[in-house]
Amino acid sequence: MTIDFFKKECQEKTTAEQFGLMDLDDKTPAYVNKTDKEDWIAIIHNEKQQEITFTAIDNCIPIYRADGNMESRCDGMLTHANNIDFVELKEVRKDWIEGGIKQLKKTIEIFSANHQLADYTKKRAFLANKKHPQFKYSHKEQMQQFRNELGVRLIIENVIKI
């Protein structure tokens, strides 16, 4: 069964120069927020004010494993000007990198099985943590392995420049 990662009811469009992504962690989908800057988990800089579509994936697009349980997936994706950015949002102090990478990886694998990832010019995956906005690059090997396996650049940072 094909999984539609572009369900209209899971999408929000914006041309805002700056906005944030939020996830209340209450079984509701992540969403775009333009006003509550102190609560943003990921900060999006859209200097050219191009149209960006945010698609909530977790808690909006059902993806089931073979055993019938819900698959762990990333919070959402940003699509813009033939580019795609998968985003996982975290607000924890420890043990967040491994889990976040697994969620991004699984989502990208399922996306690739259902859509043409090769059609996108720039493909990135962001692991954003509000508690660790400035990430130190001690995970270069994991980031390179991620790129080698999926053809997607992994960035561990909460600022996304479009």
C-alpha atoms as a PDB file:
ATOM      1  CA  MET A   1       0.000   0.000   0.000  1.00  0.00           C
ATOM      2  CA  THR A   2       1.372   3.394  -1.003  1.00  0.00           C
ATOM      3  CA  ILE A   3       1.898   5.987   1.719  1.00  0.00           C
ATOM      4  CA  ASP A   4       1.067   9.551   0.687  1.00  0.00           C
ATOM      5  CA  PHE A   5       3.548  11.929   2.335  1.00  0.00           C
ATOM      6  CA  PHE A   6       1.760  14.915   0.770  1.00  0.00           C
ATOM      7  CA  LYS A   7      -1.666  14.718   2.409  1.00  0.00           C
ATOM      8  CA  LYS A   8      -3.222  18.191   2.166  1.00  0.00           C
ATOM      9  CA  GLU A   9      -4.720  17.969   5.675  1.00  0.00           C
ATOM     10  CA  CYS A  10      -1.200  17.584   7.098  1.00  0.00           C
ATOM     11  CA  GLN A  11       0.233  20.619   5.283  1.00  0.00           C
ATOM     12  CA  GLU A  12       0.734  24.307   6.045  1.00  0.00           C
ATOM     13  CA  LYS A  13       2.186  26.829   3.589  1.00  0.00           C
ATOM     14  CA  THR A  14       4.055  30.023   4.484  1.00  0.00           C
ATOM     15  CA  THR A  15       6.239  32.684   2.905  1.00  0.00           C
ATOM     16  CA  ALA A  16       7.268  34.165   6.265  1.00  0.00           C
ATOM     17  CA  GLU A  17      10.852  35.405   6.457  1.00  0.00           C
ATOM     18  CA  GLN A  18      11.263  33.660   9.818  1.00  0.00           C
ATOM     19  CA  PHE A  19       9.110  31.120  11.611  1.00  0.00           C
ATOM     20  CA  GLY A  20       9.430  28.210  13.961  1.00  0.00           C
ATOM     21  CA  LEU A  21       8.398  24.604  14.150  1.00  0.00           C
ATOM     22  CA  MET A  22       6.781  23.351  17.309  1.00  0.00           C
ATOM     23  CA  ASP A  23       5.741  19.974  18.672  1.00  0.00           C
ATOM     24  CA  LEU A  24       3.706  19.884  21.853  1.00  0.00           C
ATOM     25  CA  ASP A  25       4.531  16.170  22.333  1.00  0.00           C
ATOM     26  CA  ASP A  26       0.865  15.476  23.086  1.00  0.00           C
ATOM     27  CA  LYS A  27      -0.002  13.175  20.160  1.00  0.00           C
ATOM     28  CA  THR A  28      -0.901  16.160  17.954  1.00  0.00           C
ATOM     29  CA  PRO A  29       1.117  16.905  14.805  1.00  0.00           C
ATOM     30  CA  ALA A  30       4.022  19.366  14.761  1.00  0.00           C
ATOM     31  CA  TYR A  31       3.117  22.762  13.295  1.00  0.00           C
ATOM     32  CA  VAL A  32       4.333  26.120  12.008  1.00  0.00           C
ATOM     33  CA  ASN A  33       4.381  28.992  14.507  1.00  0.00           C
ATOM     34  CA  LYS A  34       5.122  32.605  13.589  1.00  0.00           C
ATOM     35  CA  THR A  35       4.717  34.352  16.952  1.00  0.00           C
ATOM     36  CA  ASP A  36       5.995  32.422  19.992  1.00  0.00           C
ATOM     37  CA  LYS A  37       9.742  32.628  19.265  1.00  0.00           C
ATOM     38  CA  GLU A  38      10.799  31.482  22.735  1.00  0.00           C
ATOM     39  CA  ASP A  39       8.899  28.203  22.206  1.00  0.00           C
ATOM     40  CA  TRP A  40      10.272  27.342  18.760  1.00  0.00           C
ATOM     41  CA  ILE A  41      12.183  24.072  18.611  1.00  0.00           C
ATOM     42  CA  ALA A  42      13.487  24.667  15.072  1.00  0.00           C
ATOM     43  CA  ILE A  43      13.994  28.159  13.646  1.00  0.00           C
ATOM     44  CA  ILE A  44      13.514  28.578   9.898  1.00  0.00           C
ATOM     45  CA  HIS A  45      15.192  31.486   8.091  1.00  0.00           C
ATOM     46  CA  ASN A  46      13.511  32.108   4.748  1.00  0.00           C
ATOM     47  CA  GLU A  47      15.313  35.282   3.591  1.00  0.00           C
ATOM     48  CA  LYS A  48      13.938  35.137   0.039  1.00  0.00           C
ATOM     49  CA  GLN A  49      10.425  34.580   1.417  1.00  0.00           C
ATOM     50  CA  GLN A  50       9.786  31.717  -0.947  1.00  0.00           C
ATOM     51  CA  GLU A  51       6.747  29.522  -0.452  1.00  0.00           C
ATOM     52  CA  ILE A  52       7.508  26.683   1.935  1.00  0.00           C
ATOM     53  CA  THR A  53       5.215  23.770   2.651  1.00  0.00           C
ATOM     54  CA  PHE A  54       5.526  22.132   6.048  1.00  0.00           C
ATOM     55  CA  THR A  55       4.035  18.647   6.136  1.00  0.00           C
ATOM     56  CA  ALA A  56       3.481  17.092   9.549  1.00  0.00           C
ATOM     57  CA  ILE A  57       4.386  13.403   9.419  1.00  0.00           C
ATOM     58  CA  ASP A  58       4.325  12.115  13.013  1.00  0.00           C
ATOM     59  CA  ASN A  59       0.753  12.046  14.342  1.00  0.00           C
ATOM     60  CA  CYS A  60      -0.650  12.946  10.908  1.00  0.00           C
ATOM     61  CA  ILE A  61       0.513  10.437   8.292  1.00  0.00           C
ATOM     62  CA  PRO A  62      -0.081   6.897   9.565  1.00  0.00           C
ATOM     63  CA  ILE A  63       2.794   4.528   8.853  1.00  0.00           C
ATOM     64  CA  TYR A  64       2.429   1.006  10.228  1.00  0.00           C
ATOM     65  CA  ARG A  65       5.002  -1.727  10.685  1.00  0.00           C
ATOM     66  CA  ALA A  66       4.287  -5.278   9.501  1.00  0.00           C
ATOM     67  CA  ASP A  67       3.212  -6.206  13.058  1.00  0.00           C
ATOM     68  CA  GLY A  68       0.447  -3.569  12.970  1.00  0.00           C
ATOM     69  CA  ASN A  69       2.151  -1.145  15.354  1.00  0.00           C
ATOM     70  CA  MET A  70       2.828   2.467  14.413  1.00  0.00           C
ATOM     71  CA  GLU A  71       6.276   3.089  12.950  1.00  0.00           C
ATOM     72  CA  SER A  72       8.517   5.644  14.647  1.00  0.00           C
ATOM     73  CA  ARG A  73       8.897   8.558  12.248  1.00  0.00           C
ATOM     74  CA  CYS A  74      10.212  12.101  12.149  1.00  0.00           C
ATOM     75  CA  ASP A  75       8.011  15.083  12.953  1.00  0.00           C
ATOM     76  CA  GLY A  76       7.730  16.555   9.487  1.00  0.00           C
ATOM     77  CA  MET A  77       9.264  17.831   6.289  1.00  0.00           C
ATOM     78  CA  LEU A  78       9.732  21.157   4.556  1.00  0.00           C
ATOM     79  CA  THR A  79       9.446  21.291   0.774  1.00  0.00           C
ATOM     80  CA  HIS A  80      10.452  24.356  -1.208  1.00  0.00           C
ATOM     81  CA  ALA A  81      11.821  25.142  -4.680  1.00  0.00           C
ATOM     82  CA  ASN A  82      12.412  21.463  -5.517  1.00  0.00           C
ATOM     83  CA  ASN A  83      14.229  20.873  -2.196  1.00  0.00           C
ATOM     84  CA  ILE A  84      13.212  18.698   0.741  1.00  0.00           C
ATOM     85  CA  ASP A  85      14.182  18.906   4.422  1.00  0.00           C
ATOM     86  CA  PHE A  86      13.117  16.170   6.844  1.00  0.00           C
ATOM     87  CA  VAL A  87      12.900  17.480  10.425  1.00  0.00           C
ATOM     88  CA  GLU A  88      12.956  15.763  13.813  1.00  0.00           C
ATOM     89  CA  LEU A  89      12.203  18.026  16.785  1.00  0.00           C
ATOM     90  CA  LYS A  90      13.568  17.298  20.263  1.00  0.00           C
ATOM     91  CA  GLU A  91      13.408  19.048  23.638  1.00  0.00           C
ATOM     92  CA  VAL A  92      15.545  16.777  25.786  1.00  0.00           C
ATOM     93  CA  ARG A  93      18.968  17.056  27.374  1.00  0.00           C
ATOM     94  CA  LYS A  94      20.389  13.540  26.883  1.00  0.00           C
ATOM     95  CA  ASP A  95      20.241  10.486  24.628  1.00  0.00           C
ATOM     96  CA  TRP A  96      18.486  12.312  21.795  1.00  0.00           C
ATOM     97  CA  ILE A  97      20.891  11.959  18.894  1.00  0.00           C
ATOM     98  CA  GLU A  98      20.684   8.197  18.312  1.00  0.00           C
ATOM     99  CA  GLY A  99      16.886   8.109  18.542  1.00  0.00           C
ATOM    100  CA  GLY A 100      16.485  11.171  16.349  1.00  0.00           C
ATOM    101  CA  ILE A 101      18.767   9.775  13.659  1.00  0.00           C
ATOM    102  CA  LYS A 102      16.827   6.487  13.666  1.00  0.00           C
ATOM    103  CA  GLN A 103      13.509   8.341  13.237  1.00  0.00           C
ATOM    104  CA  LEU A 104      14.867  10.431  10.361  1.00  0.00           C
ATOM    105  CA  LYS A 105      16.442   7.412   8.689  1.00  0.00           C
ATOM    106  CA  LYS A 106      13.292   5.288   8.910  1.00  0.00           C
ATOM    107  CA  THR A 107      11.113   8.121   7.582  1.00  0.00           C
ATOM    108  CA  ILE A 108      13.445   8.768   4.633  1.00  0.00           C
ATOM    109  CA  GLU A 109      13.560   5.046   3.780  1.00  0.00           C
ATOM    110  CA  ILE A 110       9.750   4.852   3.762  1.00  0.00           C
ATOM    111  CA  PHE A 111       9.477   8.126   1.824  1.00  0.00           C
ATOM    112  CA  SER A 112      11.931   6.771  -0.784  1.00  0.00           C
ATOM    113  CA  ALA A 113       9.885   3.587  -1.161  1.00  0.00           C
ATOM    114  CA  ASN A 114       6.770   5.671  -1.931  1.00  0.00           C
ATOM    115  CA  HIS A 115       8.075   8.792  -3.707  1.00  0.00           C
ATOM    116  CA  GLN A 116      11.013   9.766  -5.919  1.00  0.00           C
ATOM    117  CA  LEU A 117      13.611  11.267  -3.562  1.00  0.00           C
ATOM    118  CA  ALA A 118      15.956  11.633  -6.548  1.00  0.00           C
ATOM    119  CA  ASP A 119      13.582  14.265  -8.000  1.00  0.00           C
ATOM    120  CA  TYR A 120      14.713  16.744  -5.327  1.00  0.00           C
ATOM    121  CA  THR A 121      17.760  18.908  -5.934  1.00  0.00           C
ATOM    122  CA  LYS A 122      18.784  19.450  -2.297  1.00  0.00           C
ATOM    123  CA  LYS A 123      17.980  16.744   0.271  1.00  0.00           C
ATOM    124  CA  ARG A 124      18.660  17.416   3.959  1.00  0.00           C
ATOM    125  CA  ALA A 125      17.622  15.964   7.308  1.00  0.00           C
ATOM    126  CA  PHE A 126      17.636  18.180  10.387  1.00  0.00           C
ATOM    127  CA  LEU A 127      17.810  16.921  13.952  1.00  0.00           C
ATOM    128  CA  ALA A 128      16.804  20.006  15.947  1.00  0.00           C
ATOM    129  CA  ASN A 129      16.958  20.221  19.731  1.00  0.00           C
ATOM    130  CA  LYS A 130      15.820  23.328  21.584  1.00  0.00           C
ATOM    131  CA  LYS A 131      17.998  22.357  24.583  1.00  0.00           C
ATOM    132  CA  HIS A 132      21.096  21.972  22.353  1.00  0.00           C
ATOM    133  CA  PRO A 133      20.760  24.646  19.627  1.00  0.00           C
ATOM    134  CA  GLN A 134      24.529  24.956  18.983  1.00  0.00           C
ATOM    135  CA  PHE A 135      25.655  21.417  18.370  1.00  0.00           C
ATOM    136  CA  LYS A 136      29.321  20.451  18.460  1.00  0.00           C
ATOM    137  CA  TYR A 137      30.416  18.405  15.453  1.00  0.00           C
ATOM    138  CA  SER A 138      31.521  15.244  17.238  1.00  0.00           C
ATOM    139  CA  HIS A 139      29.230  13.048  15.132  1.00  0.00           C
ATOM    140  CA  LYS A 140      30.854  13.579  11.725  1.00  0.00           C
ATOM    141  CA  GLU A 141      31.157   9.832  11.098  1.00  0.00           C
ATOM    142  CA  GLN A 142      27.445   9.272  11.750  1.00  0.00           C
ATOM    143  CA  MET A 143      26.602  12.232   9.528  1.00  0.00           C
ATOM    144  CA  GLN A 144      28.770  10.882   6.692  1.00  0.00           C
ATOM    145  CA  GLN A 145      27.336   7.355   7.065  1.00  0.00           C
ATOM    146  CA  PHE A 146      23.814   8.813   6.925  1.00  0.00           C
ATOM    147  CA  ARG A 147      24.661  10.613   3.677  1.00  0.00           C
ATOM    148  CA  ASN A 148      26.325   7.523   2.178  1.00  0.00           C
ATOM    149  CA  GLU A 149      23.338   5.288   2.991  1.00  0.00           C
ATOM    150  CA  LEU A 150      20.480   7.636   2.088  1.00  0.00           C
ATOM    151  CA  GLY A 151      21.907  10.317  -0.178  1.00  0.00           C
ATOM    152  CA  VAL A 152      20.617  12.908   2.302  1.00  0.00           C
ATOM    153  CA  ARG A 153      22.767  15.350   4.261  1.00  0.00           C
ATOM    154  CA  LEU A 154      22.245  15.090   8.039  1.00  0.00           C
ATOM    155  CA  ILE A 155      22.518  18.365   9.979  1.00  0.00           C
ATOM    156  CA  ILE A 156      22.303  18.365  13.779  1.00  0.00           C
ATOM    157  CA  GLU A 157      21.223  21.951  14.471  1.00  0.00           C
ATOM    158  CA  ASN A 158      18.022  23.844  15.234  1.00  0.00           C
ATOM    159  CA  VAL A 159      18.480  26.645  12.665  1.00  0.00           C
ATOM    160  CA  ILE A 160      17.322  25.804   9.154  1.00  0.00           C
ATOM    161  CA  LYS A 161      18.375  28.212   6.408  1.00  0.00           C
ATOM    162  CA  ILE A 162      16.268  27.946   3.280  1.00  0.00           C
END
